[in-house]
Amino acid sequence: METVVDFISSQNPLMLLLFALSVICLAVVLDRALFWATSALRYRPIPPDIYDSTDSKRKVVIARLRLKRHKHYTKEILLTCLQPSVTKEQIAQTVSEQTDTMSSRLGMLDLIAKIAPLVGILGTVIGMAVSFGGIAAIVTASPAAISNGISIALRTTAYGLIISIAASIASVAFSKCIRRAVLKMGRIICETQPNHRTNNL
């Protein structure tokens, strides 16, 4: 029994792959969580005079925004919208750039959520084959040896599902943060671009 168990534990390389996927998933989650936490700390309410139509006040606001060292998506979209003769294409490009920054590495989470269960199932199939092959070589294989070997083989599926669930939850949570940020940028655009707001109504 111990020979079969040890063989499955040591010879199933997909357990190492699942471990690597879990480390990557954790790293991406920590990176995105730090990004949104930092973004929340750097956020400052927009001053009321930001929407003033006079050029002098807008220049003062733009100068203040440029003095800020920390980047924030509200700051970037404001700087774009307050520029004289700004076009819709320039605004759309800024929104696209900020959205790309916010959604960075989320594709990796989605990929991990999809392939982790498949890797787990493949590991189970390989583990079962190795288990039954090892048991077949033992003349007096007890039911305990068979059940223990199968339980070890099923661990890869369990690990794969756990990783997939964690990656899926994180991806949904970060996607909601992105949608809220996009809505906030949309409100800023509507307030700073009256013509754009009128055209959309």
C-alpha atoms as a PDB file:
ATOM      1  CA  MET A   1       0.000   0.000   0.000  1.00  0.00           C
ATOM      2  CA  GLU A   2       2.716   2.450   0.909  1.00  0.00           C
ATOM      3  CA  THR A   3       4.509   1.783  -2.367  1.00  0.00           C
ATOM      4  CA  VAL A   4       1.421   2.716  -4.426  1.00  0.00           C
ATOM      5  CA  VAL A   5       0.684   5.818  -2.334  1.00  0.00           C
ATOM      6  CA  ASP A   6       4.257   7.056  -2.465  1.00  0.00           C
ATOM      7  CA  PHE A   7       4.445   6.410  -6.195  1.00  0.00           C
ATOM      8  CA  ILE A   8       1.293   8.451  -6.922  1.00  0.00           C
ATOM      9  CA  SER A   9       2.356  11.305  -4.637  1.00  0.00           C
ATOM     10  CA  SER A  10       5.815  11.583  -6.133  1.00  0.00           C
ATOM     11  CA  GLN A  11       5.202  10.701  -9.805  1.00  0.00           C
ATOM     12  CA  ASN A  12       2.162  12.853 -10.623  1.00  0.00           C
ATOM     13  CA  PRO A  13       3.754  15.935 -12.248  1.00  0.00           C
ATOM     14  CA  LEU A  14       0.382  17.652 -12.648  1.00  0.00           C
ATOM     15  CA  MET A  15       0.324  18.367  -8.916  1.00  0.00           C
ATOM     16  CA  LEU A  16       3.342  20.590  -9.500  1.00  0.00           C
ATOM     17  CA  LEU A  17       1.508  22.304 -12.368  1.00  0.00           C
ATOM     18  CA  LEU A  18      -1.510  22.924 -10.142  1.00  0.00           C
ATOM     19  CA  PHE A  19       0.767  24.331  -7.470  1.00  0.00           C
ATOM     20  CA  ALA A  20       2.304  26.686 -10.049  1.00  0.00           C
ATOM     21  CA  LEU A  21      -1.178  27.781 -11.182  1.00  0.00           C
ATOM     22  CA  SER A  22      -2.180  28.492  -7.588  1.00  0.00           C
ATOM     23  CA  VAL A  23       0.940  30.622  -7.052  1.00  0.00           C
ATOM     24  CA  ILE A  24       0.282  32.583 -10.256  1.00  0.00           C
ATOM     25  CA  CYS A  25      -3.368  33.058  -9.290  1.00  0.00           C
ATOM     26  CA  LEU A  26      -2.404  34.332  -5.845  1.00  0.00           C
ATOM     27  CA  ALA A  27       0.173  36.707  -7.323  1.00  0.00           C
ATOM     28  CA  VAL A  28      -2.353  38.180  -9.782  1.00  0.00           C
ATOM     29  CA  VAL A  29      -5.006  38.572  -7.070  1.00  0.00           C
ATOM     30  CA  LEU A  30      -2.563  40.349  -4.775  1.00  0.00           C
ATOM     31  CA  ASP A  31      -1.371  42.591  -7.612  1.00  0.00           C
ATOM     32  CA  ARG A  32      -4.904  43.642  -8.602  1.00  0.00           C
ATOM     33  CA  ALA A  33      -6.026  44.015  -4.983  1.00  0.00           C
ATOM     34  CA  LEU A  34      -3.050  46.284  -4.311  1.00  0.00           C
ATOM     35  CA  PHE A  35      -3.863  48.267  -7.472  1.00  0.00           C
ATOM     36  CA  TRP A  36      -7.462  48.925  -6.433  1.00  0.00           C
ATOM     37  CA  ALA A  37      -6.555  49.611  -2.813  1.00  0.00           C
ATOM     38  CA  THR A  38      -3.964  52.158  -3.930  1.00  0.00           C
ATOM     39  CA  SER A  39      -6.474  53.629  -6.381  1.00  0.00           C
ATOM     40  CA  ALA A  40      -9.015  54.081  -3.590  1.00  0.00           C
ATOM     41  CA  LEU A  41      -6.446  55.778  -1.358  1.00  0.00           C
ATOM     42  CA  ARG A  42      -5.353  58.139  -4.143  1.00  0.00           C
ATOM     43  CA  TYR A  43      -8.873  59.152  -5.088  1.00  0.00           C
ATOM     44  CA  ARG A  44      -9.783  62.721  -4.270  1.00  0.00           C
ATOM     45  CA  PRO A  45     -13.231  64.296  -4.701  1.00  0.00           C
ATOM     46  CA  ILE A  46     -13.521  66.501  -7.770  1.00  0.00           C
ATOM     47  CA  PRO A  47     -13.634  70.203  -6.776  1.00  0.00           C
ATOM     48  CA  PRO A  48     -16.842  72.030  -7.732  1.00  0.00           C
ATOM     49  CA  ASP A  49     -15.027  74.617  -9.844  1.00  0.00           C
ATOM     50  CA  ILE A  50     -13.717  71.876 -12.117  1.00  0.00           C
ATOM     51  CA  TYR A  51     -16.748  72.278 -14.368  1.00  0.00           C
ATOM     52  CA  ASP A  52     -16.438  76.031 -14.692  1.00  0.00           C
ATOM     53  CA  SER A  53     -16.431  77.049 -18.317  1.00  0.00           C
ATOM     54  CA  THR A  54     -13.971  79.933 -17.971  1.00  0.00           C
ATOM     55  CA  ASP A  55     -10.538  79.256 -19.408  1.00  0.00           C
ATOM     56  CA  SER A  56      -8.684  80.843 -16.496  1.00  0.00           C
ATOM     57  CA  LYS A  57     -10.141  78.519 -13.888  1.00  0.00           C
ATOM     58  CA  ARG A  58      -9.680  75.504 -16.104  1.00  0.00           C
ATOM     59  CA  LYS A  59      -6.021  76.321 -16.560  1.00  0.00           C
ATOM     60  CA  VAL A  60      -5.599  76.536 -12.801  1.00  0.00           C
ATOM     61  CA  VAL A  61      -7.323  73.169 -12.338  1.00  0.00           C
ATOM     62  CA  ILE A  62      -5.198  71.555 -15.044  1.00  0.00           C
ATOM     63  CA  ALA A  63      -2.029  72.929 -13.433  1.00  0.00           C
ATOM     64  CA  ARG A  64      -3.075  71.502 -10.065  1.00  0.00           C
ATOM     65  CA  LEU A  65      -3.802  68.106 -11.573  1.00  0.00           C
ATOM     66  CA  ARG A  66      -0.439  67.988 -13.316  1.00  0.00           C
ATOM     67  CA  LEU A  67       1.355  68.767 -10.063  1.00  0.00           C
ATOM     68  CA  LYS A  68       0.012  65.562  -8.544  1.00  0.00           C
ATOM     69  CA  ARG A  69       2.609  62.825  -8.854  1.00  0.00           C
ATOM     70  CA  HIS A  70       0.283  59.885  -8.368  1.00  0.00           C
ATOM     71  CA  LYS A  71      -1.680  58.651 -11.347  1.00  0.00           C
ATOM     72  CA  HIS A  72      -5.388  57.992 -11.087  1.00  0.00           C
ATOM     73  CA  TYR A  73      -7.921  57.241 -13.788  1.00  0.00           C
ATOM     74  CA  THR A  74     -10.103  60.209 -12.749  1.00  0.00           C
ATOM     75  CA  LYS A  75      -7.084  62.491 -13.000  1.00  0.00           C
ATOM     76  CA  GLU A  76      -6.161  61.204 -16.461  1.00  0.00           C
ATOM     77  CA  ILE A  77      -9.674  61.534 -17.873  1.00  0.00           C
ATOM     78  CA  LEU A  78     -10.026  65.014 -16.354  1.00  0.00           C
ATOM     79  CA  LEU A  79      -6.766  66.167 -17.897  1.00  0.00           C
ATOM     80  CA  THR A  80      -7.962  64.941 -21.270  1.00  0.00           C
ATOM     81  CA  CYS A  81     -11.463  66.395 -21.028  1.00  0.00           C
ATOM     82  CA  LEU A  82     -10.264  69.811 -19.833  1.00  0.00           C
ATOM     83  CA  GLN A  83      -7.885  70.271 -22.719  1.00  0.00           C
ATOM     84  CA  PRO A  84      -9.033  72.923 -25.218  1.00  0.00           C
ATOM     85  CA  SER A  85     -10.507  71.571 -28.443  1.00  0.00           C
ATOM     86  CA  VAL A  86     -10.420  68.002 -27.211  1.00  0.00           C
ATOM     87  CA  THR A  87     -11.964  65.476 -29.600  1.00  0.00           C
ATOM     88  CA  LYS A  88     -14.117  62.448 -28.900  1.00  0.00           C
ATOM     89  CA  GLU A  89     -11.357  60.251 -30.287  1.00  0.00           C
ATOM     90  CA  GLN A  90      -8.880  61.579 -27.730  1.00  0.00           C
ATOM     91  CA  ILE A  91     -11.341  60.994 -24.899  1.00  0.00           C
ATOM     92  CA  ALA A  92     -12.081  57.486 -26.159  1.00  0.00           C
ATOM     93  CA  GLN A  93      -8.359  56.731 -26.364  1.00  0.00           C
ATOM     94  CA  THR A  94      -7.812  57.870 -22.774  1.00  0.00           C
ATOM     95  CA  VAL A  95     -10.738  55.762 -21.555  1.00  0.00           C
ATOM     96  CA  SER A  96      -9.375  52.776 -23.476  1.00  0.00           C
ATOM     97  CA  GLU A  97      -5.892  53.219 -22.018  1.00  0.00           C
ATOM     98  CA  GLN A  98      -7.201  53.480 -18.460  1.00  0.00           C
ATOM     99  CA  THR A  99      -9.478  50.476 -18.959  1.00  0.00           C
ATOM    100  CA  ASP A 100      -6.561  48.425 -20.295  1.00  0.00           C
ATOM    101  CA  THR A 101      -4.511  49.371 -17.235  1.00  0.00           C
ATOM    102  CA  MET A 102      -7.328  48.381 -14.878  1.00  0.00           C
ATOM    103  CA  SER A 103      -7.992  45.065 -16.651  1.00  0.00           C
ATOM    104  CA  SER A 104      -4.319  44.128 -16.794  1.00  0.00           C
ATOM    105  CA  ARG A 105      -3.687  40.455 -15.927  1.00  0.00           C
ATOM    106  CA  LEU A 106      -7.392  39.643 -15.585  1.00  0.00           C
ATOM    107  CA  GLY A 107      -7.053  37.488 -18.690  1.00  0.00           C
ATOM    108  CA  MET A 108      -4.601  35.347 -16.736  1.00  0.00           C
ATOM    109  CA  LEU A 109      -7.203  34.783 -14.008  1.00  0.00           C
ATOM    110  CA  ASP A 110      -9.807  33.764 -16.582  1.00  0.00           C
ATOM    111  CA  LEU A 111      -7.334  31.364 -18.191  1.00  0.00           C
ATOM    112  CA  ILE A 112      -6.451  29.783 -14.847  1.00  0.00           C
ATOM    113  CA  ALA A 113     -10.143  29.430 -13.983  1.00  0.00           C
ATOM    114  CA  LYS A 114     -10.679  27.495 -17.225  1.00  0.00           C
ATOM    115  CA  ILE A 115      -7.648  25.205 -17.300  1.00  0.00           C
ATOM    116  CA  ALA A 116      -7.226  24.389 -13.591  1.00  0.00           C
ATOM    117  CA  PRO A 117     -10.200  21.957 -13.471  1.00  0.00           C
ATOM    118  CA  LEU A 118      -9.039  20.311 -16.693  1.00  0.00           C
ATOM    119  CA  VAL A 119      -5.548  19.848 -15.291  1.00  0.00           C
ATOM    120  CA  GLY A 120      -7.080  18.424 -12.113  1.00  0.00           C
ATOM    121  CA  ILE A 121      -9.211  15.921 -14.031  1.00  0.00           C
ATOM    122  CA  LEU A 122      -6.231  14.901 -16.153  1.00  0.00           C
ATOM    123  CA  GLY A 123      -4.200  14.411 -12.982  1.00  0.00           C
ATOM    124  CA  THR A 124      -6.959  12.234 -11.570  1.00  0.00           C
ATOM    125  CA  VAL A 125      -7.065  10.072 -14.687  1.00  0.00           C
ATOM    126  CA  ILE A 126      -3.300   9.638 -14.627  1.00  0.00           C
ATOM    127  CA  GLY A 127      -3.340   8.979 -10.891  1.00  0.00           C
ATOM    128  CA  MET A 128      -6.074   6.358 -11.233  1.00  0.00           C
ATOM    129  CA  ALA A 129      -4.179   4.601 -14.001  1.00  0.00           C
ATOM    130  CA  VAL A 130      -0.990   4.589 -11.931  1.00  0.00           C
ATOM    131  CA  SER A 131      -2.905   3.451  -8.850  1.00  0.00           C
ATOM    132  CA  PHE A 132      -4.575   0.484 -10.526  1.00  0.00           C
ATOM    133  CA  GLY A 133      -1.355  -0.399 -12.292  1.00  0.00           C
ATOM    134  CA  GLY A 134       0.508  -0.439  -8.997  1.00  0.00           C
ATOM    135  CA  ILE A 135      -2.212  -2.398  -7.246  1.00  0.00           C
ATOM    136  CA  ALA A 136      -2.286  -4.955 -10.072  1.00  0.00           C
ATOM    137  CA  ALA A 137       1.383  -5.646  -9.417  1.00  0.00           C
ATOM    138  CA  ILE A 138       0.605  -6.422  -5.791  1.00  0.00           C
ATOM    139  CA  VAL A 139      -0.754  -9.941  -5.335  1.00  0.00           C
ATOM    140  CA  THR A 140      -2.570  -9.266  -2.065  1.00  0.00           C
ATOM    141  CA  ALA A 141      -4.055  -5.834  -2.630  1.00  0.00           C
ATOM    142  CA  SER A 142      -6.436  -4.899   0.168  1.00  0.00           C
ATOM    143  CA  PRO A 143      -9.555  -2.720  -0.269  1.00  0.00           C
ATOM    144  CA  ALA A 144      -7.863  -0.107   1.918  1.00  0.00           C
ATOM    145  CA  ALA A 145      -4.981   0.156  -0.540  1.00  0.00           C
ATOM    146  CA  ILE A 146      -7.376   0.615  -3.461  1.00  0.00           C
ATOM    147  CA  SER A 147      -9.501   3.258  -1.728  1.00  0.00           C
ATOM    148  CA  ASN A 148      -6.436   5.130  -0.485  1.00  0.00           C
ATOM    149  CA  GLY A 149      -4.896   5.156  -3.949  1.00  0.00           C
ATOM    150  CA  ILE A 150      -8.129   6.459  -5.497  1.00  0.00           C
ATOM    151  CA  SER A 151      -8.503   9.176  -2.853  1.00  0.00           C
ATOM    152  CA  ILE A 152      -4.989  10.408  -3.586  1.00  0.00           C
ATOM    153  CA  ALA A 153      -5.713  10.422  -7.309  1.00  0.00           C
ATOM    154  CA  LEU A 154      -8.869  12.501  -6.752  1.00  0.00           C
ATOM    155  CA  ARG A 155      -6.942  15.212  -4.949  1.00  0.00           C
ATOM    156  CA  THR A 156      -5.813  16.800  -8.195  1.00  0.00           C
ATOM    157  CA  THR A 157      -9.443  17.342  -9.227  1.00  0.00           C
ATOM    158  CA  ALA A 158     -10.238  18.876  -5.856  1.00  0.00           C
ATOM    159  CA  TYR A 159      -7.219  21.193  -6.033  1.00  0.00           C
ATOM    160  CA  GLY A 160      -8.068  22.176  -9.596  1.00  0.00           C
ATOM    161  CA  LEU A 161     -11.645  23.064  -8.646  1.00  0.00           C
ATOM    162  CA  ILE A 162     -10.513  25.103  -5.642  1.00  0.00           C
ATOM    163  CA  ILE A 163      -8.088  27.095  -7.796  1.00  0.00           C
ATOM    164  CA  SER A 164     -10.751  27.614 -10.476  1.00  0.00           C
ATOM    165  CA  ILE A 165     -13.342  28.848  -7.980  1.00  0.00           C
ATOM    166  CA  ALA A 166     -10.890  31.280  -6.385  1.00  0.00           C
ATOM    167  CA  ALA A 167      -9.787  32.656  -9.771  1.00  0.00           C
ATOM    168  CA  SER A 168     -13.403  33.032 -10.948  1.00  0.00           C
ATOM    169  CA  ILE A 169     -14.475  34.915  -7.813  1.00  0.00           C
ATOM    170  CA  ALA A 170     -11.483  37.249  -8.062  1.00  0.00           C
ATOM    171  CA  SER A 171     -12.101  37.894 -11.764  1.00  0.00           C
ATOM    172  CA  VAL A 172     -15.762  38.792 -11.155  1.00  0.00           C
ATOM    173  CA  ALA A 173     -14.872  41.090  -8.256  1.00  0.00           C
ATOM    174  CA  PHE A 174     -12.222  42.969 -10.242  1.00  0.00           C
ATOM    175  CA  SER A 175     -14.522  43.212 -13.269  1.00  0.00           C
ATOM    176  CA  LYS A 176     -17.115  44.943 -11.087  1.00  0.00           C
ATOM    177  CA  CYS A 177     -14.466  47.432  -9.965  1.00  0.00           C
ATOM    178  CA  ILE A 178     -13.663  48.150 -13.608  1.00  0.00           C
ATOM    179  CA  ARG A 179     -17.330  48.715 -14.481  1.00  0.00           C
ATOM    180  CA  ARG A 180     -17.707  51.169 -11.607  1.00  0.00           C
ATOM    181  CA  ALA A 181     -14.602  53.037 -12.709  1.00  0.00           C
ATOM    182  CA  VAL A 182     -15.859  53.233 -16.293  1.00  0.00           C
ATOM    183  CA  LEU A 183     -19.188  54.635 -15.075  1.00  0.00           C
ATOM    184  CA  LYS A 184     -17.329  57.210 -13.012  1.00  0.00           C
ATOM    185  CA  MET A 185     -15.264  58.233 -16.037  1.00  0.00           C
ATOM    186  CA  GLY A 186     -18.487  58.478 -18.038  1.00  0.00           C
ATOM    187  CA  ARG A 187     -19.977  60.890 -15.504  1.00  0.00           C
ATOM    188  CA  ILE A 188     -16.842  63.019 -15.658  1.00  0.00           C
ATOM    189  CA  ILE A 189     -17.035  63.117 -19.457  1.00  0.00           C
ATOM    190  CA  CYS A 190     -20.705  64.139 -19.374  1.00  0.00           C
ATOM    191  CA  GLU A 191     -20.032  66.935 -16.890  1.00  0.00           C
ATOM    192  CA  THR A 192     -16.965  68.331 -18.628  1.00  0.00           C
ATOM    193  CA  GLN A 193     -18.227  67.907 -22.192  1.00  0.00           C
ATOM    194  CA  PRO A 194     -21.691  69.515 -22.453  1.00  0.00           C
ATOM    195  CA  ASN A 195     -21.788  69.040 -26.210  1.00  0.00           C
ATOM    196  CA  HIS A 196     -21.045  65.340 -25.850  1.00  0.00           C
ATOM    197  CA  ARG A 197     -23.734  65.027 -23.176  1.00  0.00           C
ATOM    198  CA  THR A 198     -26.281  66.805 -25.357  1.00  0.00           C
ATOM    199  CA  ASN A 199     -25.538  64.579 -28.325  1.00  0.00           C
ATOM    200  CA  ASN A 200     -26.026  61.462 -26.242  1.00  0.00           C
ATOM    201  CA  LEU A 201     -29.384  62.569 -24.836  1.00  0.00           C
END
